[in-house]
C-alpha atoms as a PDB file:
ATOM      1  CA  MET A   1     -22.201   9.504 -12.563  1.00  0.00           C
ATOM      2  CA  ASP A   2     -18.590   7.289 -12.114  1.00  0.00           C
ATOM      3  CA  SER A   3     -19.114   4.320 -10.839  1.00  0.00           C
ATOM      4  CA  PHE A   4     -14.831   3.469 -10.132  1.00  0.00           C
ATOM      5  CA  LEU A   5     -15.438   3.234  -6.868  1.00  0.00           C
ATOM      6  CA  ILE A   6     -18.133   0.746  -6.664  1.00  0.00           C
ATOM      7  CA  GLU A   7     -15.826  -1.242  -9.437  1.00  0.00           C
ATOM      8  CA  ARG A   8     -12.367  -0.104  -6.916  1.00  0.00           C
ATOM      9  CA  TRP A   9     -13.961  -0.916  -3.975  1.00  0.00           C
ATOM     10  CA  VAL A  10     -16.441  -3.737  -3.882  1.00  0.00           C
ATOM     11  CA  SER A  11     -16.293  -5.674  -7.292  1.00  0.00           C
ATOM     12  CA  HIS A  12     -14.352  -8.517  -6.106  1.00  0.00           C
ATOM     13  CA  LEU A  13     -16.720  -9.218  -3.294  1.00  0.00           C
ATOM     14  CA  ASP A  14     -19.924 -11.426  -3.596  1.00  0.00           C
ATOM     15  CA  ARG A  15     -21.753  -8.024  -3.775  1.00  0.00           C
ATOM     16  CA  LEU A  16     -25.951  -7.098  -3.425  1.00  0.00           C
ATOM     17  CA  THR A  17     -27.165  -4.176  -5.681  1.00  0.00           C
ATOM     18  CA  ILE A  18     -29.991  -1.615  -3.376  1.00  0.00           C
ATOM     19  CA  TYR A  19     -32.951  -2.039  -5.644  1.00  0.00           C
ATOM     20  CA  ASP A  20     -35.978  -1.762  -3.003  1.00  0.00           C
ATOM     21  CA  GLU A  21     -36.781  -2.812   0.403  1.00  0.00           C
ATOM     22  CA  ALA A  22     -36.212  -6.477  -0.046  1.00  0.00           C
ATOM     23  CA  SER A  23     -32.948  -5.380  -1.280  1.00  0.00           C
ATOM     24  CA  VAL A  24     -32.988  -4.028   2.071  1.00  0.00           C
ATOM     25  CA  SER A  25     -34.287  -7.144   4.004  1.00  0.00           C
ATOM     26  CA  GLU A  26     -31.558  -9.370   1.651  1.00  0.00           C
ATOM     27  CA  ALA A  27     -28.402  -7.360   3.236  1.00  0.00           C
ATOM     28  CA  ARG A  28     -29.772  -7.960   6.476  1.00  0.00           C
ATOM     29  CA  GLN A  29     -29.717 -11.590   6.400  1.00  0.00           C
ATOM     30  CA  ARG A  30     -25.807 -11.610   4.818  1.00  0.00           C
ATOM     31  CA  ALA A  31     -25.123 -10.030   7.613  1.00  0.00           C
ATOM     32  CA  ARG A  32     -26.847 -11.988   9.771  1.00  0.00           C
ATOM     33  CA  ALA A  33     -24.957 -14.890   7.606  1.00  0.00           C
ATOM     34  CA  ALA A  34     -21.251 -13.331   8.062  1.00  0.00           C
ATOM     35  CA  ALA A  35     -21.608 -13.761  11.447  1.00  0.00           C
ATOM     36  CA  ALA A  36     -22.899 -17.206  12.179  1.00  0.00           C
ATOM     37  CA  ALA A  37     -20.044 -18.238  10.348  1.00  0.00           C
ATOM     38  CA  ALA A  38     -17.460 -16.245  12.009  1.00  0.00           C
ATOM     39  CA  GLY A  39     -18.980 -17.946  14.730  1.00  0.00           C
ATOM     40  CA  MET A  40     -20.414 -13.877  16.629  1.00  0.00           C
ATOM     41  CA  SER A  41     -22.910 -14.181  19.074  1.00  0.00           C
ATOM     42  CA  ALA A  42     -26.566 -13.111  18.642  1.00  0.00           C
ATOM     43  CA  ASP A  43     -25.967  -9.468  19.708  1.00  0.00           C
ATOM     44  CA  ALA A  44     -23.318  -8.989  17.212  1.00  0.00           C
ATOM     45  CA  ALA A  45     -24.882 -10.502  14.504  1.00  0.00           C
ATOM     46  CA  ALA A  46     -28.368  -8.491  15.391  1.00  0.00           C
ATOM     47  CA  THR A  47     -25.626  -4.761  15.224  1.00  0.00           C
ATOM     48  CA  LEU A  48     -24.118  -6.319  11.617  1.00  0.00           C
ATOM     49  CA  ALA A  49     -27.550  -6.336  10.441  1.00  0.00           C
ATOM     50  CA  LEU A  50     -29.215  -3.742  11.684  1.00  0.00           C
ATOM     51  CA  ILE A  51     -25.351  -1.862  10.394  1.00  0.00           C
ATOM     52  CA  ALA A  52     -26.514  -3.593   7.066  1.00  0.00           C
ATOM     53  CA  SER A  53     -30.170  -1.702   6.962  1.00  0.00           C
ATOM     54  CA  GLU A  54     -28.479   1.295   7.801  1.00  0.00           C
ATOM     55  CA  LEU A  55     -25.905   1.478   4.755  1.00  0.00           C
ATOM     56  CA  ALA A  56     -28.626   0.009   2.662  1.00  0.00           C
ATOM     57  CA  HIS A  57     -31.781   2.274   2.999  1.00  0.00           C
ATOM     58  CA  ASN A  58     -29.305   5.509   2.911  1.00  0.00           C
ATOM     59  CA  GLN A  59     -28.363   4.308  -0.676  1.00  0.00           C
ATOM     60  CA  LEU A  60     -31.650   3.664  -1.185  1.00  0.00           C
ATOM     61  CA  ARG A  61     -32.696   6.636  -0.627  1.00  0.00           C
ATOM     62  CA  HIS A  62     -29.931   9.340  -1.389  1.00  0.00           C
ATOM     63  CA  ALA A  63     -27.640   7.653  -3.871  1.00  0.00           C
ATOM     64  CA  ARG A  64     -27.330   5.479  -7.041  1.00  0.00           C
ATOM     65  CA  GLY A  65     -26.135   2.088  -8.339  1.00  0.00           C
ATOM     66  CA  GLY A  66     -25.219   1.169  -4.653  1.00  0.00           C
ATOM     67  CA  GLN A  67     -23.872  -1.793  -3.758  1.00  0.00           C
ATOM     68  CA  ILE A  68     -23.577  -3.625  -0.353  1.00  0.00           C
ATOM     69  CA  ALA A  69     -21.766  -7.079   0.249  1.00  0.00           C
ATOM     70  CA  ALA A  70     -20.436  -8.817   4.066  1.00  0.00           C
ATOM     71  CA  SER A  71     -17.528 -10.846   4.370  1.00  0.00           C
ATOM     72  CA  VAL A  72     -15.577 -12.031   6.957  1.00  0.00           C
ATOM     73  CA  PHE A  73     -12.248 -11.549   8.338  1.00  0.00           C
ATOM     74  CA  ALA A  74      -9.148 -13.333  10.303  1.00  0.00           C
ATOM     75  CA  ARG A  75      -7.253 -10.801  12.982  1.00  0.00           C
ATOM     76  CA  GLY A  76      -5.207 -12.102  14.270  1.00  0.00           C
ATOM     77  CA  ASP A  77      -7.034 -16.055  16.156  1.00  0.00           C
ATOM     78  CA  ARG A  78     -10.026 -13.203  15.920  1.00  0.00           C
ATOM     79  CA  LEU A  79     -12.958 -13.883  13.016  1.00  0.00           C
ATOM     80  CA  GLY A  80     -14.843 -10.491  12.094  1.00  0.00           C
ATOM     81  CA  VAL A  81     -16.975  -9.245   9.940  1.00  0.00           C
ATOM     82  CA  GLU A  82     -16.725  -6.386   7.226  1.00  0.00           C
ATOM     83  CA  ILE A  83     -19.815  -4.624   5.988  1.00  0.00           C
ATOM     84  CA  VAL A  84     -18.731  -2.939   2.476  1.00  0.00           C
ATOM     85  CA  ALA A  85     -21.191  -0.578   0.911  1.00  0.00           C
ATOM     86  CA  ALA A  86     -20.262   1.570  -2.105  1.00  0.00           C
ATOM     87  CA  ASP A  87     -22.180   4.098  -4.497  1.00  0.00           C
ATOM     88  CA  ARG A  88     -21.597   5.863  -7.458  1.00  0.00           C
ATOM     89  CA  GLY A  89     -23.732   8.806  -5.524  1.00  0.00           C
ATOM     90  CA  GLY A  90     -23.052  12.532  -5.310  1.00  0.00           C
ATOM     91  CA  GLY A  91     -20.647  11.546  -1.708  1.00  0.00           C
ATOM     92  CA  ILE A  92     -21.477  12.962   1.564  1.00  0.00           C
ATOM     93  CA  ALA A  93     -21.851  16.734   1.570  1.00  0.00           C
ATOM     94  CA  ASP A  94     -20.840  17.698   4.910  1.00  0.00           C
ATOM     95  CA  PRO A  95     -20.169  14.199   6.784  1.00  0.00           C
ATOM     96  CA  SER A  96     -19.707  16.720  10.360  1.00  0.00           C
ATOM     97  CA  ALA A  97     -22.736  17.656   9.887  1.00  0.00           C
ATOM     98  CA  ALA A  98     -24.165  13.902   9.041  1.00  0.00           C
ATOM     99  CA  ILE A  99     -22.293  12.088  12.307  1.00  0.00           C
ATOM    100  CA  GLU A 100     -22.484  14.852  14.679  1.00  0.00           C
ATOM    101  CA  HIS A 101     -25.836  16.408  14.396  1.00  0.00           C
ATOM    102  CA  GLY A 102     -27.784  13.104  12.589  1.00  0.00           C
ATOM    103  CA  ALA A 103     -28.697  15.709   9.015  1.00  0.00           C
ATOM    104  CA  SER A 104     -29.046  14.439   5.997  1.00  0.00           C
ATOM    105  CA  THR A 105     -26.524  16.472   3.673  1.00  0.00           C
ATOM    106  CA  GLY A 106     -27.798  16.920   0.088  1.00  0.00           C
ATOM    107  CA  GLY A 107     -26.933  13.165  -2.322  1.00  0.00           C
ATOM    108  CA  GLY A 108     -25.377  12.410   1.263  1.00  0.00           C
ATOM    109  CA  LEU A 109     -25.885   9.353   3.679  1.00  0.00           C
ATOM    110  CA  GLY A 110     -27.701  11.451   6.520  1.00  0.00           C
ATOM    111  CA  ALA A 111     -29.248  10.410  10.095  1.00  0.00           C
ATOM    112  CA  GLY A 112     -27.907   6.533   9.669  1.00  0.00           C
ATOM    113  CA  LEU A 113     -24.569   7.638   9.170  1.00  0.00           C
ATOM    114  CA  ALA A 114     -24.001   8.622  12.926  1.00  0.00           C
ATOM    115  CA  GLY A 115     -25.944   4.861  14.224  1.00  0.00           C
ATOM    116  CA  VAL A 116     -23.414   3.192  12.054  1.00  0.00           C
ATOM    117  CA  LEU A 117     -20.651   4.756  14.007  1.00  0.00           C
ATOM    118  CA  ARG A 118     -22.339   4.020  16.865  1.00  0.00           C
ATOM    119  CA  LEU A 119     -23.092   0.132  16.107  1.00  0.00           C
ATOM    120  CA  ALA A 120     -19.280  -0.671  14.544  1.00  0.00           C
ATOM    121  CA  ASP A 121     -15.906  -0.917  16.265  1.00  0.00           C
ATOM    122  CA  GLU A 122     -14.159   0.409  13.014  1.00  0.00           C
ATOM    123  CA  VAL A 123     -15.346   2.505  10.090  1.00  0.00           C
ATOM    124  CA  ASP A 124     -13.544   3.519   7.406  1.00  0.00           C
ATOM    125  CA  PHE A 125     -14.386   5.964   4.286  1.00  0.00           C
ATOM    126  CA  ASP A 126     -13.991   6.669   1.444  1.00  0.00           C
ATOM    127  CA  ILE A 127     -16.397  10.366  -0.178  1.00  0.00           C
ATOM    128  CA  ARG A 128     -15.675  11.523  -3.701  1.00  0.00           C
ATOM    129  CA  LEU A 129     -17.967  14.174  -4.051  1.00  0.00           C
ATOM    130  CA  GLY A 130     -19.949  14.762  -7.045  1.00  0.00           C
ATOM    131  CA  GLN A 131     -18.670  11.109  -7.950  1.00  0.00           C
ATOM    132  CA  GLY A 132     -19.888   8.547  -5.158  1.00  0.00           C
ATOM    133  CA  THR A 133     -19.225   7.030  -0.995  1.00  0.00           C
ATOM    134  CA  CYS A 134     -17.377   4.012  -0.022  1.00  0.00           C
ATOM    135  CA  VAL A 135     -17.890   2.921   3.618  1.00  0.00           C
ATOM    136  CA  TRP A 136     -16.835  -0.036   5.873  1.00  0.00           C
ATOM    137  CA  ALA A 137     -18.237  -0.840   8.843  1.00  0.00           C
ATOM    138  CA  ARG A 138     -16.353  -3.838  10.722  1.00  0.00           C
ATOM    139  CA  LYS A 139     -17.333  -5.708  14.420  1.00  0.00           C
ATOM    140  CA  ILE A 140     -14.296  -7.663  15.562  1.00  0.00           C
ATOM    141  CA  GLU A 141     -15.805  -9.339  19.295  1.00  0.00           C
ATOM    142  CA  GLY A 142     -13.024  -9.645  22.067  1.00  0.00           C
ATOM    143  CA  ALA A 143     -10.748  -8.112  19.342  1.00  0.00           C
ATOM    144  CA  SER A 144      -7.833  -4.750  19.561  1.00  0.00           C
ATOM    145  CA  HIS A 145      -9.301  -1.655  17.621  1.00  0.00           C
ATOM    146  CA  ARG A 146      -7.440  -0.495  15.070  1.00  0.00           C
ATOM    147  CA  ARG A 147      -7.178   2.378  13.500  1.00  0.00           C
ATOM    148  CA  GLU A 148      -9.427   3.788  11.178  1.00  0.00           C
ATOM    149  CA  VAL A 149      -9.840   5.635   7.626  1.00  0.00           C
ATOM    150  CA  ALA A 150     -11.190   8.495   5.648  1.00  0.00           C
ATOM    151  CA  VAL A 151     -10.519   9.464   2.312  1.00  0.00           C
ATOM    152  CA  LEU A 152     -11.992  13.209   1.597  1.00  0.00           C
ATOM    153  CA  GLY A 153     -12.205  14.689  -1.870  1.00  0.00           C
ATOM    154  CA  ARG A 154     -13.581  17.197  -4.410  1.00  0.00           C
ATOM    155  CA  PRO A 155     -13.199  18.202  -7.982  1.00  0.00           C
ATOM    156  CA  ALA A 156     -11.945  22.050  -8.523  1.00  0.00           C
ATOM    157  CA  ASP A 157     -15.348  24.398  -9.552  1.00  0.00           C
ATOM    158  CA  GLY A 158     -16.525  23.597 -13.403  1.00  0.00           C
ATOM    159  CA  GLU A 159     -15.082  20.632 -13.234  1.00  0.00           C
ATOM    160  CA  ARG A 160     -17.268  17.399 -13.017  1.00  0.00           C
ATOM    161  CA  VAL A 161     -14.431  15.222 -11.727  1.00  0.00           C
ATOM    162  CA  SER A 162     -11.531  15.249  -9.808  1.00  0.00           C
ATOM    163  CA  GLY A 163      -7.808  14.655 -10.606  1.00  0.00           C
ATOM    164  CA  ASP A 164      -6.418  13.672  -7.902  1.00  0.00           C
ATOM    165  CA  ASP A 165      -7.708   9.608  -6.356  1.00  0.00           C
ATOM    166  CA  ALA A 166      -6.866   7.921  -3.183  1.00  0.00           C
ATOM    167  CA  CYS A 167      -6.390   4.187  -1.952  1.00  0.00           C
ATOM    168  CA  PHE A 168      -5.615   2.378   1.504  1.00  0.00           C
ATOM    169  CA  VAL A 169      -5.061  -1.227   1.606  1.00  0.00           C
ATOM    170  CA  ARG A 170      -4.607  -3.717   5.026  1.00  0.00           C
ATOM    171  CA  ASP A 171      -2.185  -5.874   5.969  1.00  0.00           C
ATOM    172  CA  ASP A 172      -2.099  -7.612   9.231  1.00  0.00           C
ATOM    173  CA  ASP A 173      -0.310  -4.570  11.037  1.00  0.00           C
ATOM    174  CA  THR A 174       0.726  -2.306   8.823  1.00  0.00           C
ATOM    175  CA  LEU A 175      -1.446  -0.137   6.865  1.00  0.00           C
ATOM    176  CA  VAL A 176      -1.015   1.689   3.297  1.00  0.00           C
ATOM    177  CA  LEU A 177      -1.554   4.548   2.392  1.00  0.00           C
ATOM    178  CA  ALA A 178      -1.483   6.722  -1.666  1.00  0.00           C
ATOM    179  CA  LEU A 179      -2.870   9.755  -2.792  1.00  0.00           C
ATOM    180  CA  ALA A 180      -1.857  10.862  -6.230  1.00  0.00           C
ATOM    181  CA  ASP A 181      -2.612  14.358  -8.020  1.00  0.00           C
ATOM    182  CA  GLY A 182      -2.919  14.323 -11.935  1.00  0.00           C
ATOM    183  CA  LEU A 183      -1.283  17.265 -13.766  1.00  0.00           C
ATOM    184  CA  GLY A 184      -4.398  19.694 -14.556  1.00  0.00           C
ATOM    185  CA  HIS A 185      -8.094  18.929 -13.834  1.00  0.00           C
ATOM    186  CA  GLY A 186     -10.478  16.601 -15.070  1.00  0.00           C
ATOM    187  CA  PRO A 187     -11.096  13.063 -16.565  1.00  0.00           C
ATOM    188  CA  ASP A 188      -7.247  13.459 -17.817  1.00  0.00           C
ATOM    189  CA  ALA A 189      -5.489  14.111 -15.025  1.00  0.00           C
ATOM    190  CA  SER A 190      -7.849  11.397 -13.126  1.00  0.00           C
ATOM    191  CA  LEU A 191      -6.886   8.857 -15.979  1.00  0.00           C
ATOM    192  CA  ALA A 192      -3.017   9.711 -14.237  1.00  0.00           C
ATOM    193  CA  ALA A 193      -4.070   9.283 -10.654  1.00  0.00           C
ATOM    194  CA  ARG A 194      -5.638   6.424 -10.682  1.00  0.00           C
ATOM    195  CA  ALA A 195      -2.993   4.654 -12.440  1.00  0.00           C
ATOM    196  CA  ALA A 196      -0.163   5.582 -10.358  1.00  0.00           C
ATOM    197  CA  VAL A 197      -2.494   4.736  -7.272  1.00  0.00           C
ATOM    198  CA  GLU A 198      -3.616   0.909  -8.811  1.00  0.00           C
ATOM    199  CA  THR A 199       1.018   0.660  -8.608  1.00  0.00           C
ATOM    200  CA  VAL A 200       0.200   0.534  -4.870  1.00  0.00           C
ATOM    201  CA  ARG A 201      -3.306  -1.235  -5.024  1.00  0.00           C
ATOM    202  CA  ASN A 202      -1.777  -3.944  -6.632  1.00  0.00           C
ATOM    203  CA  ALA A 203       1.471  -4.809  -4.518  1.00  0.00           C
ATOM    204  CA  PRO A 204       1.152  -2.555  -1.100  1.00  0.00           C
ATOM    205  CA  ALA A 205       4.348  -4.896  -0.028  1.00  0.00           C
ATOM    206  CA  ARG A 206       6.796  -3.421  -2.566  1.00  0.00           C
ATOM    207  CA  ALA A 207       9.595  -0.833  -0.737  1.00  0.00           C
ATOM    208  CA  LEU A 208       7.245   2.596  -1.223  1.00  0.00           C
ATOM    209  CA  PRO A 209      10.430   3.696  -4.063  1.00  0.00           C
ATOM    210  CA  ASP A 210      10.493   0.741  -6.088  1.00  0.00           C
ATOM    211  CA  LEU A 211       6.031   1.891  -6.067  1.00  0.00           C
ATOM    212  CA  LEU A 212       7.123   5.617  -7.096  1.00  0.00           C
ATOM    213  CA  ARG A 213       9.206   3.728  -9.689  1.00  0.00           C
ATOM    214  CA  GLU A 214       6.806   1.655 -11.060  1.00  0.00           C
ATOM    215  CA  ALA A 215       3.927   4.398 -10.820  1.00  0.00           C
ATOM    216  CA  GLY A 216       6.627   6.941 -13.108  1.00  0.00           C
ATOM    217  CA  ALA A 217       6.577   3.455 -15.840  1.00  0.00           C
ATOM    218  CA  ALA A 218       3.302   3.519 -15.832  1.00  0.00           C
ATOM    219  CA  LEU A 219       2.065   7.306 -16.396  1.00  0.00           C
ATOM    220  CA  VAL A 220       4.913   7.422 -19.264  1.00  0.00           C
ATOM    221  CA  ARG A 221       1.495   7.967 -21.907  1.00  0.00           C
ATOM    222  CA  THR A 222      -0.988   9.874 -19.789  1.00  0.00           C
ATOM    223  CA  ARG A 223      -0.143  13.403 -18.089  1.00  0.00           C
ATOM    224  CA  GLY A 224       1.677  11.910 -15.068  1.00  0.00           C
ATOM    225  CA  ALA A 225       1.324  13.299 -11.210  1.00  0.00           C
ATOM    226  CA  ALA A 226       2.638  13.424  -7.935  1.00  0.00           C
ATOM    227  CA  MET A 227       2.230  10.918  -5.210  1.00  0.00           C
ATOM    228  CA  SER A 228       2.766  10.540  -1.885  1.00  0.00           C
ATOM    229  CA  ILE A 229       2.465   7.018  -0.156  1.00  0.00           C
ATOM    230  CA  VAL A 230       3.048   6.102   3.861  1.00  0.00           C
ATOM    231  CA  ARG A 231       3.202   2.284   5.350  1.00  0.00           C
ATOM    232  CA  ILE A 232       2.491   2.521   8.868  1.00  0.00           C
ATOM    233  CA  ASP A 233       4.107  -0.531  10.737  1.00  0.00           C
ATOM    234  CA  GLU A 234       1.903  -1.152  13.966  1.00  0.00           C
ATOM    235  CA  ARG A 235       4.915  -3.819  15.576  1.00  0.00           C
ATOM    236  CA  PHE A 236       7.455  -1.257  15.036  1.00  0.00           C
ATOM    237  CA  ALA A 237       5.065   2.074  16.239  1.00  0.00           C
ATOM    238  CA  GLU A 238       6.956   3.385  13.052  1.00  0.00           C
ATOM    239  CA  LEU A 239       5.094   5.443   9.677  1.00  0.00           C
ATOM    240  CA  ARG A 240       7.614   5.711   6.102  1.00  0.00           C
ATOM    241  CA  HIS A 241       7.033   8.016   3.261  1.00  0.00           C
ATOM    242  CA  ALA A 242       8.438   8.476  -0.140  1.00  0.00           C
ATOM    243  CA  GLY A 243       7.175  11.167  -2.196  1.00  0.00           C
ATOM    244  CA  VAL A 244       7.173  12.841  -5.723  1.00  0.00           C
ATOM    245  CA  GLY A 245       6.267  15.988  -6.103  1.00  0.00           C
ATOM    246  CA  ASN A 246       3.750  18.320  -3.765  1.00  0.00           C
ATOM    247  CA  VAL A 247       1.601  15.342  -2.448  1.00  0.00           C
ATOM    248  CA  THR A 248       2.005  16.334   1.134  1.00  0.00           C
ATOM    249  CA  ALA A 249       1.855  14.472   4.350  1.00  0.00           C
ATOM    250  CA  HIS A 250       2.089  14.737   7.859  1.00  0.00           C
ATOM    251  CA  VAL A 251       2.407  13.145  11.129  1.00  0.00           C
ATOM    252  CA  VAL A 252       1.102  14.971  14.092  1.00  0.00           C
ATOM    253  CA  SER A 253       1.166  13.479  18.025  1.00  0.00           C
ATOM    254  CA  ALA A 254       0.302  15.361  21.268  1.00  0.00           C
ATOM    255  CA  ASP A 255       3.496  17.687  21.260  1.00  0.00           C
ATOM    256  CA  SER A 256       4.739  17.810  17.608  1.00  0.00           C
ATOM    257  CA  GLN A 257       3.649  17.941  14.006  1.00  0.00           C
ATOM    258  CA  ARG A 258       6.374  16.998  10.973  1.00  0.00           C
ATOM    259  CA  ALA A 259       6.330  17.192   7.357  1.00  0.00           C
ATOM    260  CA  PHE A 260       7.094  15.061   4.346  1.00  0.00           C
ATOM    261  CA  SER A 261       7.181  15.730   0.904  1.00  0.00           C
ATOM    262  CA  GLY A 262       8.466  14.540  -2.003  1.00  0.00           C
ATOM    263  CA  ILE A 263      11.283  14.684  -4.216  1.00  0.00           C
ATOM    264  CA  SER A 264      11.078  17.776  -6.887  1.00  0.00           C
ATOM    265  CA  ALA A 265       9.679  15.471 -10.169  1.00  0.00           C
ATOM    266  CA  VAL A 266       6.653  14.188 -11.869  1.00  0.00           C
ATOM    267  CA  LEU A 267       5.474  10.320 -11.924  1.00  0.00           C
ATOM    268  CA  GLY A 268       5.139   9.361 -15.909  1.00  0.00           C
ATOM    269  CA  MET A 269       7.774  12.656 -17.268  1.00  0.00           C
ATOM    270  CA  GLU A 270      10.801  11.951 -18.962  1.00  0.00           C
ATOM    271  CA  PRO A 271      12.902  14.453 -17.096  1.00  0.00           C
ATOM    272  CA  ALA A 272      11.803  12.929 -13.705  1.00  0.00           C
ATOM    273  CA  ARG A 273      13.743   9.164 -14.541  1.00  0.00           C
ATOM    274  CA  ALA A 274      16.803  10.635 -13.391  1.00  0.00           C
ATOM    275  CA  PRO A 275      16.197  12.046  -9.989  1.00  0.00           C
ATOM    276  CA  LEU A 276      13.618   8.976  -8.846  1.00  0.00           C
ATOM    277  CA  ARG A 277      16.942   6.537  -9.834  1.00  0.00           C
ATOM    278  CA  ARG A 278      18.238   8.868  -6.851  1.00  0.00           C
ATOM    279  CA  ALA A 279      19.127   7.418  -3.381  1.00  0.00           C
ATOM    280  CA  ARG A 280      16.555  10.709  -2.261  1.00  0.00           C
ATOM    281  CA  THR A 281      13.593   8.492  -3.232  1.00  0.00           C
ATOM    282  CA  ASP A 282      14.559   6.420   0.047  1.00  0.00           C
ATOM    283  CA  GLU A 283      11.941   6.032   2.383  1.00  0.00           C
ATOM    284  CA  ASP A 284      11.228   8.504   5.627  1.00  0.00           C
ATOM    285  CA  HIS A 285      10.563   7.420   8.618  1.00  0.00           C
ATOM    286  CA  ALA A 286       9.292   8.559  12.138  1.00  0.00           C
ATOM    287  CA  PRO A 287       7.643   6.975  15.173  1.00  0.00           C
ATOM    288  CA  PHE A 288       4.145   7.028  15.321  1.00  0.00           C
ATOM    289  CA  GLY A 289       1.834   5.683  18.405  1.00  0.00           C
ATOM    290  CA  PRO A 290      -1.391   4.369  19.646  1.00  0.00           C
ATOM    291  CA  TRP A 291      -2.526   8.375  19.189  1.00  0.00           C
ATOM    292  CA  ASP A 292      -1.091   9.961  16.943  1.00  0.00           C
ATOM    293  CA  VAL A 293      -2.823  11.185  13.602  1.00  0.00           C
ATOM    294  CA  ALA A 294      -1.083  10.859  10.182  1.00  0.00           C
ATOM    295  CA  PHE A 295      -2.790  12.807   6.515  1.00  0.00           C
ATOM    296  CA  LEU A 296      -1.678  13.596   2.880  1.00  0.00           C
ATOM    297  CA  PHE A 297      -2.977  16.432   0.645  1.00  0.00           C
ATOM    298  CA  THR A 298      -2.632  17.726  -2.462  1.00  0.00           C
ATOM    299  CA  ASP A 299      -2.422  20.713  -3.799  1.00  0.00           C
ATOM    300  CA  GLY A 300      -6.061  22.146  -3.308  1.00  0.00           C
ATOM    301  CA  LEU A 301      -4.877  22.257   0.004  1.00  0.00           C
ATOM    302  CA  THR A 302      -3.245  25.396   1.106  1.00  0.00           C
ATOM    303  CA  THR A 303       0.713  25.102   1.964  1.00  0.00           C
ATOM    304  CA  ARG A 304      -0.781  26.190   5.199  1.00  0.00           C
ATOM    305  CA  THR A 305      -2.859  22.904   5.980  1.00  0.00           C
ATOM    306  CA  ARG A 306      -1.694  22.392   9.675  1.00  0.00           C
ATOM    307  CA  LEU A 307      -4.120  19.724  12.773  1.00  0.00           C
ATOM    308  CA  GLU A 308      -3.985  21.798  15.581  1.00  0.00           C
ATOM    309  CA  SER A 309      -3.702  19.135  18.548  1.00  0.00           C
ATOM    310  CA  GLU A 310      -5.194  20.522  20.921  1.00  0.00           C
ATOM    311  CA  SER A 311      -7.412  18.539  23.434  1.00  0.00           C
ATOM    312  CA  GLY A 312      -9.513  15.661  21.970  1.00  0.00           C
ATOM    313  CA  ALA A 313      -8.392  16.974  18.311  1.00  0.00           C
ATOM    314  CA  LEU A 314      -6.414  14.027  17.730  1.00  0.00           C
ATOM    315  CA  ARG A 315      -8.950  11.128  19.305  1.00  0.00           C
ATOM    316  CA  ARG A 316     -11.179  13.065  16.363  1.00  0.00           C
ATOM    317  CA  HIS A 317     -12.750   9.992  14.219  1.00  0.00           C
ATOM    318  CA  PRO A 318     -10.973  10.699  10.687  1.00  0.00           C
ATOM    319  CA  VAL A 319     -13.733  11.628   8.413  1.00  0.00           C
ATOM    320  CA  LEU A 320     -14.059  14.284  11.299  1.00  0.00           C
ATOM    321  CA  ILE A 321     -10.298  15.562  10.419  1.00  0.00           C
ATOM    322  CA  ALA A 322     -10.685  15.546   7.136  1.00  0.00           C
ATOM    323  CA  ASP A 323     -14.299  17.236   7.193  1.00  0.00           C
ATOM    324  CA  ALA A 324     -12.416  20.119   9.122  1.00  0.00           C
ATOM    325  CA  LEU A 325      -8.865  20.537   7.161  1.00  0.00           C
ATOM    326  CA  LEU A 326     -11.087  20.020   3.698  1.00  0.00           C
ATOM    327  CA  LYS A 327     -13.030  23.412   5.318  1.00  0.00           C
ATOM    328  CA  ALA A 328     -10.494  25.185   6.644  1.00  0.00           C
ATOM    329  CA  PHE A 329      -7.733  24.913   3.720  1.00  0.00           C
ATOM    330  CA  GLY A 330      -8.915  23.423   0.487  1.00  0.00           C
ATOM    331  CA  ARG A 331      -9.347  26.116  -2.222  1.00  0.00           C
ATOM    332  CA  THR A 332     -12.556  25.723  -4.555  1.00  0.00           C
ATOM    333  CA  HIS A 333     -10.190  26.556  -8.120  1.00  0.00           C
ATOM    334  CA  ASP A 334      -7.819  23.398  -7.728  1.00  0.00           C
ATOM    335  CA  ASP A 335      -8.602  19.824  -7.236  1.00  0.00           C
ATOM    336  CA  ALA A 336      -8.649  18.626  -3.254  1.00  0.00           C
ATOM    337  CA  THR A 337      -7.864  16.154  -1.249  1.00  0.00           C
ATOM    338  CA  VAL A 338      -7.139  14.223   2.278  1.00  0.00           C
ATOM    339  CA  ILE A 339      -6.622  11.574   3.380  1.00  0.00           C
ATOM    340  CA  VAL A 340      -6.275  10.885   7.314  1.00  0.00           C
ATOM    341  CA  VAL A 341      -5.696   8.629   9.581  1.00  0.00           C
ATOM    342  CA  SER A 342      -5.989   7.803  13.118  1.00  0.00           C
END
């Protein structure tokens, strides 16, 4: 199976491969050591050790090539610990069942996933069906809660890999999301989408229109791709968007839902160069309050895709929102990926 989630998310960290129970014990020790380095309490250290144990055990039981890292991070004047667990398993087939009912899903994390969500202060997900899963679980004593993110994607029927790709990058008070859809399906489409996403991961602070132009230059020898990029700035409670092609973004609040679409072009295609130079690639922007939700999706979900803001819908974890959107609006004959932040 594809190991790209491991290479993308944990290859730069001091990672531990989960082989056996001894590996699980080592993962717990690394979590405790990180907690001590962050000056966290004994209770927080015990909680982090349990989180690491749950994630490691689930990799041991359900995944292949699982790796875990524990690291200290800063948020303002506070230190916290982040546990990152990535694998090249089959992905979590039914995240909602795993979280809400503690069920073990085929190739997925099972009951331990619900426990991780209860124990951690914040949890992010990157789940690619047939390719793997990455989970980030953070503990920050005394710090304010930040938005959580979930990526959920699946390939078209009959394909081994998806032609979509997505990423997110955190930096202080900003969060950048990128979602790309390579033309067609399969490995060649996947290469184009990954190349587009990597331009954002390599320089997330750049202006969004500049990132799109750089992605276009990076894709000239590929099939090409559509892509949307969103930057959320918590200081100003604002969301900015720029896009090329039919990857759509929605901003949902309690009383409104606004959609953003990209200019009609394809990144990497020669005819796209002229429109990419025009002012229409300037950023759109919208207010983004503390309880608002944003989601991006490829055309593997129908144009009718919508998140109803009835009571409680916007308060669910983003992986549950992503799962609900994919189940309700996904089309199995096309690659389908959604990324949600709430």
